[in-house]
Amino acid sequence: MTLELSGLSKSFNGQTAVDQIDLNVPTGSMYGFLGGNGAGKTTTFRMILGLLQPSEGHITYNGEKIDYNVTNQIGYLPEERGLHPKLKVDEQIRYLGQLKGMSKQDADRRLDEWLERFEVPENRTKRIEKLSKGNQQKIQLIASIIHDPKLIILDEPFSGLDPVNVEILKSAVKELNSRGATIIFSTHRMEHVEELCESMCILNKGRQVVSGRIDEIRKDFGQKEIIIEGEHDISFLKDMPGVIDMKQIRNRYILKIEDESYAEPIFNEIVKLGYFKRFQVNEPSINDIFISKVGYGI
């Protein structure tokens, strides 16, 4: 039971927005889409949802084409928020829930549960336009998941939120995933993918630059990071074989090395100088991988 994208492409007036994407998203996984503006993330989501038809390729969910027979199994949080500002929260959620086949009573019950979960039960009868941006985002998420979907697509779900509301929404996303939902979300924030996802895809100008399980991507990337803390001057390490880059922040040095084999010679050199508080070899960060593959940061 998976979401599969095969040879997926989309062009607009001769301009290619998505170019030959091949992905397999296992059921119950958390999958991150990384890329800058115009990378093709939203266009890919719209094709998955059937809002856009692919120019090439196909999409299947559990081996079947996505159509109205499976619509009620999918939840979608668009990047452009779509709540009606003049409606009250309960009116909006009740309406959207009924569109997904829910009864009024079930929609009301689920709404109350989520409002309590988000610690904002007092917003039930308020108009959307009277809510803060963070609380509007909570309602938008509730609207996307009120019908308990099995596949949830979130387009920049944490964009523009303060740190407190980011943590609240991340906690909700984790809970939904723990219940068995397959969740795909796009973001500009590397740390969100590192924290939440098992797998990811990096898009650049519509192309699939790298994809797969994050632990395997890191392993295959090769480069490692060494963090060294101590009072000795070790700036000479920048000239050692295998050292790609070196930064110093007070008494902490951060080295990027070509692969792990270069860590031992570096360690052997610094121990000659005496005591060091820290010598740690880390896997490359997603940010390092992104910059290496795409050529710029986001």
C-alpha atoms as a PDB file:
ATOM      1  CA  MET A   1       0.000   0.000   0.000  1.00  0.00           C
ATOM      2  CA  THR A   2       1.880   3.018  -1.315  1.00  0.00           C
ATOM      3  CA  LEU A   3       1.664   6.287  -3.202  1.00  0.00           C
ATOM      4  CA  GLU A   4       3.635   5.860  -6.414  1.00  0.00           C
ATOM      5  CA  LEU A   5       4.696   8.544  -8.888  1.00  0.00           C
ATOM      6  CA  SER A   6       6.164   7.226 -12.118  1.00  0.00           C
ATOM      7  CA  GLY A   7       7.723   9.406 -14.835  1.00  0.00           C
ATOM      8  CA  LEU A   8       5.658  12.356 -13.642  1.00  0.00           C
ATOM      9  CA  SER A   9       6.042  15.558 -15.662  1.00  0.00           C
ATOM     10  CA  LYS A  10       4.063  18.764 -16.105  1.00  0.00           C
ATOM     11  CA  SER A  11       4.565  21.593 -18.589  1.00  0.00           C
ATOM     12  CA  PHE A  12       2.819  24.933 -18.894  1.00  0.00           C
ATOM     13  CA  ASN A  13       2.993  26.723 -22.253  1.00  0.00           C
ATOM     14  CA  GLY A  14       6.161  24.887 -23.161  1.00  0.00           C
ATOM     15  CA  GLN A  15       7.832  25.487 -19.785  1.00  0.00           C
ATOM     16  CA  THR A  16       8.568  22.363 -17.725  1.00  0.00           C
ATOM     17  CA  ALA A  17       7.511  22.751 -14.074  1.00  0.00           C
ATOM     18  CA  VAL A  18       7.978  19.084 -13.060  1.00  0.00           C
ATOM     19  CA  ASP A  19      10.393  16.855 -14.934  1.00  0.00           C
ATOM     20  CA  GLN A  20      10.281  13.036 -14.704  1.00  0.00           C
ATOM     21  CA  ILE A  21       9.702  12.439 -11.000  1.00  0.00           C
ATOM     22  CA  ASP A  22       9.754   8.829  -9.748  1.00  0.00           C
ATOM     23  CA  LEU A  23       8.773   8.314  -6.106  1.00  0.00           C
ATOM     24  CA  ASN A  24       7.429   5.591  -3.855  1.00  0.00           C
ATOM     25  CA  VAL A  25       5.918   6.733  -0.550  1.00  0.00           C
ATOM     26  CA  PRO A  26       5.179   3.753   1.750  1.00  0.00           C
ATOM     27  CA  THR A  27       1.988   3.657   3.762  1.00  0.00           C
ATOM     28  CA  GLY A  28       2.390   5.096   7.236  1.00  0.00           C
ATOM     29  CA  SER A  29       5.548   7.029   6.436  1.00  0.00           C
ATOM     30  CA  MET A  30       6.367  10.714   6.877  1.00  0.00           C
ATOM     31  CA  TYR A  31       7.810  12.102   3.656  1.00  0.00           C
ATOM     32  CA  GLY A  32       9.376  15.534   3.169  1.00  0.00           C
ATOM     33  CA  PHE A  33       9.599  17.615  -0.004  1.00  0.00           C
ATOM     34  CA  LEU A  34      12.414  20.178   0.016  1.00  0.00           C
ATOM     35  CA  GLY A  35      13.012  22.883  -2.533  1.00  0.00           C
ATOM     36  CA  GLY A  36      13.033  26.601  -3.109  1.00  0.00           C
ATOM     37  CA  ASN A  37      10.265  28.644  -4.678  1.00  0.00           C
ATOM     38  CA  GLY A  38       9.435  27.307  -8.122  1.00  0.00           C
ATOM     39  CA  ALA A  39      11.028  23.916  -7.461  1.00  0.00           C
ATOM     40  CA  GLY A  40       7.824  22.062  -8.398  1.00  0.00           C
ATOM     41  CA  LYS A  41       6.530  21.002  -4.978  1.00  0.00           C
ATOM     42  CA  THR A  42       3.038  22.512  -5.206  1.00  0.00           C
ATOM     43  CA  THR A  43       2.599  21.433  -8.834  1.00  0.00           C
ATOM     44  CA  THR A  44       3.458  17.850  -7.834  1.00  0.00           C
ATOM     45  CA  PHE A  45       0.912  17.957  -5.003  1.00  0.00           C
ATOM     46  CA  ARG A  46      -1.795  19.280  -7.314  1.00  0.00           C
ATOM     47  CA  MET A  47      -1.177  16.424  -9.728  1.00  0.00           C
ATOM     48  CA  ILE A  48      -1.400  13.882  -6.902  1.00  0.00           C
ATOM     49  CA  LEU A  49      -4.750  15.392  -5.928  1.00  0.00           C
ATOM     50  CA  GLY A  50      -6.046  15.421  -9.504  1.00  0.00           C
ATOM     51  CA  LEU A  51      -6.279  19.210  -9.592  1.00  0.00           C
ATOM     52  CA  LEU A  52      -3.792  19.182 -12.478  1.00  0.00           C
ATOM     53  CA  GLN A  53      -3.376  16.490 -15.094  1.00  0.00           C
ATOM     54  CA  PRO A  54       0.202  15.290 -15.740  1.00  0.00           C
ATOM     55  CA  SER A  55       1.734  15.983 -19.131  1.00  0.00           C
ATOM     56  CA  GLU A  56       3.474  12.608 -18.778  1.00  0.00           C
ATOM     57  CA  GLY A  57       3.586   9.728 -16.324  1.00  0.00           C
ATOM     58  CA  HIS A  58       1.066   8.405 -13.862  1.00  0.00           C
ATOM     59  CA  ILE A  59       0.146   8.363 -10.172  1.00  0.00           C
ATOM     60  CA  THR A  60      -1.340   5.481  -8.201  1.00  0.00           C
ATOM     61  CA  TYR A  61      -2.433   5.109  -4.599  1.00  0.00           C
ATOM     62  CA  ASN A  62      -2.606   1.531  -3.319  1.00  0.00           C
ATOM     63  CA  GLY A  63      -2.287   0.405  -6.908  1.00  0.00           C
ATOM     64  CA  GLU A  64      -5.293   2.408  -8.124  1.00  0.00           C
ATOM     65  CA  LYS A  65      -5.619   5.677  -9.979  1.00  0.00           C
ATOM     66  CA  ILE A  66      -6.624   8.540  -7.681  1.00  0.00           C
ATOM     67  CA  ASP A  67     -10.199   9.581  -8.453  1.00  0.00           C
ATOM     68  CA  TYR A  68     -13.420  10.390  -6.596  1.00  0.00           C
ATOM     69  CA  ASN A  69     -13.517   6.859  -5.185  1.00  0.00           C
ATOM     70  CA  VAL A  70     -10.532   7.659  -2.954  1.00  0.00           C
ATOM     71  CA  THR A  71     -11.006  11.413  -2.429  1.00  0.00           C
ATOM     72  CA  ASN A  72     -12.416  10.929   1.059  1.00  0.00           C
ATOM     73  CA  GLN A  73      -9.228   9.124   2.108  1.00  0.00           C
ATOM     74  CA  ILE A  74      -7.118  12.214   1.351  1.00  0.00           C
ATOM     75  CA  GLY A  75      -6.606  15.429   3.311  1.00  0.00           C
ATOM     76  CA  TYR A  76      -4.968  18.512   1.787  1.00  0.00           C
ATOM     77  CA  LEU A  77      -3.618  21.664   3.391  1.00  0.00           C
ATOM     78  CA  PRO A  78      -2.887  24.108   0.539  1.00  0.00           C
ATOM     79  CA  GLU A  79      -0.128  26.684   0.703  1.00  0.00           C
ATOM     80  CA  GLU A  80      -2.695  29.355  -0.193  1.00  0.00           C
ATOM     81  CA  ARG A  81      -5.061  29.176   2.757  1.00  0.00           C
ATOM     82  CA  GLY A  82      -8.680  28.669   1.728  1.00  0.00           C
ATOM     83  CA  LEU A  83     -10.888  29.378   4.738  1.00  0.00           C
ATOM     84  CA  HIS A  84     -13.878  31.670   4.267  1.00  0.00           C
ATOM     85  CA  PRO A  85     -13.172  34.720   6.458  1.00  0.00           C
ATOM     86  CA  LYS A  86     -16.817  35.505   7.199  1.00  0.00           C
ATOM     87  CA  LEU A  87     -17.802  32.011   8.338  1.00  0.00           C
ATOM     88  CA  LYS A  88     -17.585  30.906  11.938  1.00  0.00           C
ATOM     89  CA  VAL A  89     -15.175  28.089  12.717  1.00  0.00           C
ATOM     90  CA  ASP A  90     -17.876  25.503  13.404  1.00  0.00           C
ATOM     91  CA  GLU A  91     -19.777  26.464  10.237  1.00  0.00           C
ATOM     92  CA  GLN A  92     -16.646  26.119   8.115  1.00  0.00           C
ATOM     93  CA  ILE A  93     -15.562  22.768   9.548  1.00  0.00           C
ATOM     94  CA  ARG A  94     -19.069  21.317   9.526  1.00  0.00           C
ATOM     95  CA  TYR A  95     -19.480  22.221   5.851  1.00  0.00           C
ATOM     96  CA  LEU A  96     -16.112  20.772   4.825  1.00  0.00           C
ATOM     97  CA  GLY A  97     -16.682  17.655   6.916  1.00  0.00           C
ATOM     98  CA  GLN A  98     -20.021  17.010   5.253  1.00  0.00           C
ATOM     99  CA  LEU A  99     -18.384  17.395   1.830  1.00  0.00           C
ATOM    100  CA  LYS A 100     -16.165  14.489   2.895  1.00  0.00           C
ATOM    101  CA  GLY A 101     -19.150  12.348   3.811  1.00  0.00           C
ATOM    102  CA  MET A 102     -19.315  13.072   7.543  1.00  0.00           C
ATOM    103  CA  SER A 103     -22.497  13.655   9.465  1.00  0.00           C
ATOM    104  CA  LYS A 104     -22.982  17.016  11.168  1.00  0.00           C
ATOM    105  CA  GLN A 105     -22.737  15.310  14.558  1.00  0.00           C
ATOM    106  CA  ASP A 106     -19.445  13.569  13.731  1.00  0.00           C
ATOM    107  CA  ALA A 107     -17.943  16.760  12.329  1.00  0.00           C
ATOM    108  CA  ASP A 108     -18.939  18.699  15.466  1.00  0.00           C
ATOM    109  CA  ARG A 109     -17.531  16.000  17.734  1.00  0.00           C
ATOM    110  CA  ARG A 110     -14.201  15.848  15.908  1.00  0.00           C
ATOM    111  CA  LEU A 111     -13.976  19.632  15.839  1.00  0.00           C
ATOM    112  CA  ASP A 112     -14.409  19.787  19.607  1.00  0.00           C
ATOM    113  CA  GLU A 113     -11.690  17.165  20.066  1.00  0.00           C
ATOM    114  CA  TRP A 114      -9.203  19.076  17.934  1.00  0.00           C
ATOM    115  CA  LEU A 115     -10.016  22.455  19.459  1.00  0.00           C
ATOM    116  CA  GLU A 116      -9.310  20.950  22.877  1.00  0.00           C
ATOM    117  CA  ARG A 117      -6.139  19.373  21.511  1.00  0.00           C
ATOM    118  CA  PHE A 118      -4.991  22.793  20.278  1.00  0.00           C
ATOM    119  CA  GLU A 119      -6.150  24.460  23.523  1.00  0.00           C
ATOM    120  CA  VAL A 120      -8.478  26.897  21.710  1.00  0.00           C
ATOM    121  CA  PRO A 121     -12.047  25.663  22.415  1.00  0.00           C
ATOM    122  CA  GLU A 122     -13.150  29.292  22.750  1.00  0.00           C
ATOM    123  CA  ASN A 123     -12.639  29.761  18.984  1.00  0.00           C
ATOM    124  CA  ARG A 124     -15.487  27.422  18.027  1.00  0.00           C
ATOM    125  CA  THR A 125     -18.021  30.148  17.238  1.00  0.00           C
ATOM    126  CA  LYS A 126     -15.628  32.915  16.200  1.00  0.00           C
ATOM    127  CA  ARG A 127     -15.391  34.123  12.625  1.00  0.00           C
ATOM    128  CA  ILE A 128     -12.245  33.031  10.808  1.00  0.00           C
ATOM    129  CA  GLU A 129     -11.256  36.655  10.138  1.00  0.00           C
ATOM    130  CA  LYS A 130     -11.205  37.377  13.883  1.00  0.00           C
ATOM    131  CA  LEU A 131      -8.548  34.734  14.578  1.00  0.00           C
ATOM    132  CA  SER A 132      -4.803  35.267  14.697  1.00  0.00           C
ATOM    133  CA  LYS A 133      -2.719  33.828  11.869  1.00  0.00           C
ATOM    134  CA  GLY A 134      -1.587  30.974  14.095  1.00  0.00           C
ATOM    135  CA  ASN A 135      -5.132  30.079  15.097  1.00  0.00           C
ATOM    136  CA  GLN A 136      -6.321  30.318  11.496  1.00  0.00           C
ATOM    137  CA  GLN A 137      -3.603  27.836  10.618  1.00  0.00           C
ATOM    138  CA  LYS A 138      -4.838  25.460  13.317  1.00  0.00           C
ATOM    139  CA  ILE A 139      -8.358  25.644  11.877  1.00  0.00           C
ATOM    140  CA  GLN A 140      -7.006  25.110   8.372  1.00  0.00           C
ATOM    141  CA  LEU A 141      -5.240  21.957   9.569  1.00  0.00           C
ATOM    142  CA  ILE A 142      -8.401  20.750  11.320  1.00  0.00           C
ATOM    143  CA  ALA A 143     -10.291  21.292   8.054  1.00  0.00           C
ATOM    144  CA  SER A 144      -7.732  19.083   6.283  1.00  0.00           C
ATOM    145  CA  ILE A 145      -7.931  16.190   8.759  1.00  0.00           C
ATOM    146  CA  ILE A 146     -11.458  16.370  10.170  1.00  0.00           C
ATOM    147  CA  HIS A 147     -12.503  13.297   8.144  1.00  0.00           C
ATOM    148  CA  ASP A 148      -9.580  11.174   9.439  1.00  0.00           C
ATOM    149  CA  PRO A 149      -7.802  10.765   6.058  1.00  0.00           C
ATOM    150  CA  LYS A 150      -5.298   8.008   5.385  1.00  0.00           C
ATOM    151  CA  LEU A 151      -3.141  10.190   3.114  1.00  0.00           C
ATOM    152  CA  ILE A 152      -2.412  13.763   4.227  1.00  0.00           C
ATOM    153  CA  ILE A 153      -0.672  16.313   1.991  1.00  0.00           C
ATOM    154  CA  LEU A 154       0.537  19.477   3.705  1.00  0.00           C
ATOM    155  CA  ASP A 155       1.943  22.303   1.584  1.00  0.00           C
ATOM    156  CA  GLU A 156       4.194  24.518   3.763  1.00  0.00           C
ATOM    157  CA  PRO A 157       2.175  23.768   6.937  1.00  0.00           C
ATOM    158  CA  PHE A 158       4.492  25.710   9.278  1.00  0.00           C
ATOM    159  CA  SER A 159       5.112  28.744   7.073  1.00  0.00           C
ATOM    160  CA  GLY A 160       4.940  32.099   8.838  1.00  0.00           C
ATOM    161  CA  LEU A 161       4.125  30.698  12.269  1.00  0.00           C
ATOM    162  CA  ASP A 162       5.773  31.667  15.530  1.00  0.00           C
ATOM    163  CA  PRO A 163       7.862  28.972  17.279  1.00  0.00           C
ATOM    164  CA  VAL A 164       5.105  28.091  19.792  1.00  0.00           C
ATOM    165  CA  ASN A 165       2.521  27.418  17.083  1.00  0.00           C
ATOM    166  CA  VAL A 166       5.079  25.543  14.980  1.00  0.00           C
ATOM    167  CA  GLU A 167       5.613  23.131  17.886  1.00  0.00           C
ATOM    168  CA  ILE A 168       1.844  22.722  18.412  1.00  0.00           C
ATOM    169  CA  LEU A 169       1.260  21.865  14.756  1.00  0.00           C
ATOM    170  CA  LYS A 170       4.314  19.576  14.577  1.00  0.00           C
ATOM    171  CA  SER A 171       2.986  17.668  17.572  1.00  0.00           C
ATOM    172  CA  ALA A 172      -0.366  17.214  15.827  1.00  0.00           C
ATOM    173  CA  VAL A 173       1.326  15.994  12.642  1.00  0.00           C
ATOM    174  CA  LYS A 174       3.365  13.460  14.633  1.00  0.00           C
ATOM    175  CA  GLU A 175       0.192  12.238  16.350  1.00  0.00           C
ATOM    176  CA  LEU A 176      -1.606  11.761  13.026  1.00  0.00           C
ATOM    177  CA  ASN A 177       1.348   9.800  11.697  1.00  0.00           C
ATOM    178  CA  SER A 178       1.465   7.634  14.825  1.00  0.00           C
ATOM    179  CA  ARG A 179      -2.177   6.711  14.159  1.00  0.00           C
ATOM    180  CA  GLY A 180      -1.161   5.330  10.762  1.00  0.00           C
ATOM    181  CA  ALA A 181      -1.673   8.238   8.370  1.00  0.00           C
ATOM    182  CA  THR A 182       0.772   8.660   5.499  1.00  0.00           C
ATOM    183  CA  ILE A 183       1.926  12.271   5.558  1.00  0.00           C
ATOM    184  CA  ILE A 184       3.688  14.210   2.814  1.00  0.00           C
ATOM    185  CA  PHE A 185       4.671  17.785   3.440  1.00  0.00           C
ATOM    186  CA  SER A 186       6.698  20.456   1.712  1.00  0.00           C
ATOM    187  CA  THR A 187       8.875  22.945   3.532  1.00  0.00           C
ATOM    188  CA  HIS A 188      11.780  25.348   3.228  1.00  0.00           C
ATOM    189  CA  ARG A 189      12.989  24.326   6.679  1.00  0.00           C
ATOM    190  CA  MET A 190      15.644  21.620   6.726  1.00  0.00           C
ATOM    191  CA  GLU A 191      15.304  21.021  10.462  1.00  0.00           C
ATOM    192  CA  HIS A 192      11.624  20.105  10.115  1.00  0.00           C
ATOM    193  CA  VAL A 193      12.480  17.357   7.630  1.00  0.00           C
ATOM    194  CA  GLU A 194      15.330  16.116   9.844  1.00  0.00           C
ATOM    195  CA  GLU A 195      13.056  15.970  12.887  1.00  0.00           C
ATOM    196  CA  LEU A 196       9.889  14.551  11.358  1.00  0.00           C
ATOM    197  CA  CYS A 197      10.680  12.503   8.272  1.00  0.00           C
ATOM    198  CA  GLU A 198      12.094   9.088   7.467  1.00  0.00           C
ATOM    199  CA  SER A 199      12.353   9.877   3.746  1.00  0.00           C
ATOM    200  CA  MET A 200      12.611  12.953   1.574  1.00  0.00           C
ATOM    201  CA  CYS A 201      12.876  14.287  -1.950  1.00  0.00           C
ATOM    202  CA  ILE A 202      14.870  17.364  -2.946  1.00  0.00           C
ATOM    203  CA  LEU A 203      13.479  19.166  -5.995  1.00  0.00           C
ATOM    204  CA  ASN A 204      15.310  21.802  -8.002  1.00  0.00           C
ATOM    205  CA  LYS A 205      13.741  23.500 -11.010  1.00  0.00           C
ATOM    206  CA  GLY A 206      11.299  20.633 -11.374  1.00  0.00           C
ATOM    207  CA  ARG A 207      13.929  17.911 -11.255  1.00  0.00           C
ATOM    208  CA  GLN A 208      14.270  15.201  -8.628  1.00  0.00           C
ATOM    209  CA  VAL A 209      17.813  15.855  -7.384  1.00  0.00           C
ATOM    210  CA  VAL A 210      17.897  13.229  -4.637  1.00  0.00           C
ATOM    211  CA  SER A 211      15.296  11.064  -2.908  1.00  0.00           C
ATOM    212  CA  GLY A 212      14.979   8.117  -0.562  1.00  0.00           C
ATOM    213  CA  ARG A 213      15.429   7.301   3.102  1.00  0.00           C
ATOM    214  CA  ILE A 214      17.271  10.087   4.894  1.00  0.00           C
ATOM    215  CA  ASP A 215      19.682   7.737   6.684  1.00  0.00           C
ATOM    216  CA  GLU A 216      20.648   6.121   3.375  1.00  0.00           C
ATOM    217  CA  ILE A 217      21.013   9.506   1.637  1.00  0.00           C
ATOM    218  CA  ARG A 218      23.369  10.655   4.384  1.00  0.00           C
ATOM    219  CA  LYS A 219      25.371   7.439   4.195  1.00  0.00           C
ATOM    220  CA  ASP A 220      25.692   7.596   0.413  1.00  0.00           C
ATOM    221  CA  PHE A 221      26.645  11.281   0.468  1.00  0.00           C
ATOM    222  CA  GLY A 222      30.006  10.397   1.997  1.00  0.00           C
ATOM    223  CA  GLN A 223      30.992  13.713   3.539  1.00  0.00           C
ATOM    224  CA  LYS A 224      31.124  13.924   7.341  1.00  0.00           C
ATOM    225  CA  GLU A 225      31.351  16.725   9.869  1.00  0.00           C
ATOM    226  CA  ILE A 226      33.809  16.846  12.762  1.00  0.00           C
ATOM    227  CA  ILE A 227      33.241  19.059  15.790  1.00  0.00           C
ATOM    228  CA  ILE A 228      36.302  19.738  17.949  1.00  0.00           C
ATOM    229  CA  GLU A 229      36.252  21.790  21.154  1.00  0.00           C
ATOM    230  CA  GLY A 230      39.328  22.775  23.112  1.00  0.00           C
ATOM    231  CA  GLU A 231      41.699  25.576  24.024  1.00  0.00           C
ATOM    232  CA  HIS A 232      44.454  24.679  21.545  1.00  0.00           C
ATOM    233  CA  ASP A 233      44.939  26.370  18.179  1.00  0.00           C
ATOM    234  CA  ILE A 234      44.175  23.758  15.533  1.00  0.00           C
ATOM    235  CA  SER A 235      43.747  26.051  12.534  1.00  0.00           C
ATOM    236  CA  PHE A 236      46.503  24.025  10.786  1.00  0.00           C
ATOM    237  CA  LEU A 237      43.953  21.223  10.262  1.00  0.00           C
ATOM    238  CA  LYS A 238      42.439  23.107   7.331  1.00  0.00           C
ATOM    239  CA  ASP A 239      45.459  22.064   5.256  1.00  0.00           C
ATOM    240  CA  MET A 240      45.210  18.362   6.090  1.00  0.00           C
ATOM    241  CA  PRO A 241      44.176  15.844   3.405  1.00  0.00           C
ATOM    242  CA  GLY A 242      40.429  15.315   3.115  1.00  0.00           C
ATOM    243  CA  VAL A 243      39.425  18.588   4.793  1.00  0.00           C
ATOM    244  CA  ILE A 244      36.934  20.436   2.584  1.00  0.00           C
ATOM    245  CA  ASP A 245      36.046  23.325   4.868  1.00  0.00           C
ATOM    246  CA  MET A 246      36.790  24.560   8.388  1.00  0.00           C
ATOM    247  CA  LYS A 247      35.026  27.120  10.562  1.00  0.00           C
ATOM    248  CA  GLN A 248      35.876  28.417  14.015  1.00  0.00           C
ATOM    249  CA  ILE A 249      33.390  29.710  16.597  1.00  0.00           C
ATOM    250  CA  ARG A 250      35.428  30.729  19.647  1.00  0.00           C
ATOM    251  CA  ASN A 251      37.004  27.486  20.929  1.00  0.00           C
ATOM    252  CA  ARG A 252      34.851  25.246  18.708  1.00  0.00           C
ATOM    253  CA  TYR A 253      35.997  24.101  15.271  1.00  0.00           C
ATOM    254  CA  ILE A 254      33.689  22.593  12.640  1.00  0.00           C
ATOM    255  CA  LEU A 255      35.363  20.645   9.849  1.00  0.00           C
ATOM    256  CA  LYS A 256      33.816  19.112   6.761  1.00  0.00           C
ATOM    257  CA  ILE A 257      35.744  16.089   5.514  1.00  0.00           C
ATOM    258  CA  GLU A 258      35.423  14.058   2.317  1.00  0.00           C
ATOM    259  CA  ASP A 259      34.661  10.828   4.172  1.00  0.00           C
ATOM    260  CA  GLU A 260      35.042   9.190   7.569  1.00  0.00           C
ATOM    261  CA  SER A 261      38.471   7.738   6.831  1.00  0.00           C
ATOM    262  CA  TYR A 262      40.024  11.181   7.310  1.00  0.00           C
ATOM    263  CA  ALA A 263      38.754  11.482  10.902  1.00  0.00           C
ATOM    264  CA  GLU A 264      41.386   9.229  12.483  1.00  0.00           C
ATOM    265  CA  PRO A 265      44.459  11.109  11.131  1.00  0.00           C
ATOM    266  CA  ILE A 266      42.916  14.362  12.339  1.00  0.00           C
ATOM    267  CA  PHE A 267      42.303  12.869  15.774  1.00  0.00           C
ATOM    268  CA  ASN A 268      45.895  11.577  15.931  1.00  0.00           C
ATOM    269  CA  GLU A 269      47.199  15.071  15.206  1.00  0.00           C
ATOM    270  CA  ILE A 270      45.206  16.924  17.847  1.00  0.00           C
ATOM    271  CA  VAL A 271      45.885  14.491  20.708  1.00  0.00           C
ATOM    272  CA  LYS A 272      49.555  15.434  20.400  1.00  0.00           C
ATOM    273  CA  LEU A 273      48.570  18.898  21.658  1.00  0.00           C
ATOM    274  CA  GLY A 274      46.900  17.699  24.874  1.00  0.00           C
ATOM    275  CA  TYR A 275      43.360  17.708  26.243  1.00  0.00           C
ATOM    276  CA  PHE A 276      40.299  18.426  24.104  1.00  0.00           C
ATOM    277  CA  LYS A 277      36.806  18.682  25.525  1.00  0.00           C
ATOM    278  CA  ARG A 278      35.122  17.237  22.438  1.00  0.00           C
ATOM    279  CA  PHE A 279      35.872  15.294  19.266  1.00  0.00           C
ATOM    280  CA  GLN A 280      32.711  14.223  17.477  1.00  0.00           C
ATOM    281  CA  VAL A 281      32.083  12.856  13.978  1.00  0.00           C
ATOM    282  CA  ASN A 282      28.578  13.587  12.643  1.00  0.00           C
ATOM    283  CA  GLU A 283      26.607  12.576   9.608  1.00  0.00           C
ATOM    284  CA  PRO A 284      26.156  15.419   7.090  1.00  0.00           C
ATOM    285  CA  SER A 285      23.171  17.673   7.703  1.00  0.00           C
ATOM    286  CA  ILE A 286      20.342  17.889   5.192  1.00  0.00           C
ATOM    287  CA  ASN A 287      21.399  21.495   4.660  1.00  0.00           C
ATOM    288  CA  ASP A 288      24.888  20.315   3.615  1.00  0.00           C
ATOM    289  CA  ILE A 289      23.372  17.773   1.220  1.00  0.00           C
ATOM    290  CA  PHE A 290      20.945  20.319  -0.213  1.00  0.00           C
ATOM    291  CA  ILE A 291      23.664  22.895  -0.891  1.00  0.00           C
ATOM    292  CA  SER A 292      25.923  20.247  -2.435  1.00  0.00           C
ATOM    293  CA  LYS A 293      23.187  18.959  -4.752  1.00  0.00           C
ATOM    294  CA  VAL A 294      21.463  22.236  -5.605  1.00  0.00           C
ATOM    295  CA  GLY A 295      24.241  24.778  -5.222  1.00  0.00           C
ATOM    296  CA  TYR A 296      22.499  27.194  -2.872  1.00  0.00           C
ATOM    297  CA  GLY A 297      20.711  27.214   0.468  1.00  0.00           C
ATOM    298  CA  ILE A 298      17.099  27.981   1.313  1.00  0.00           C
END
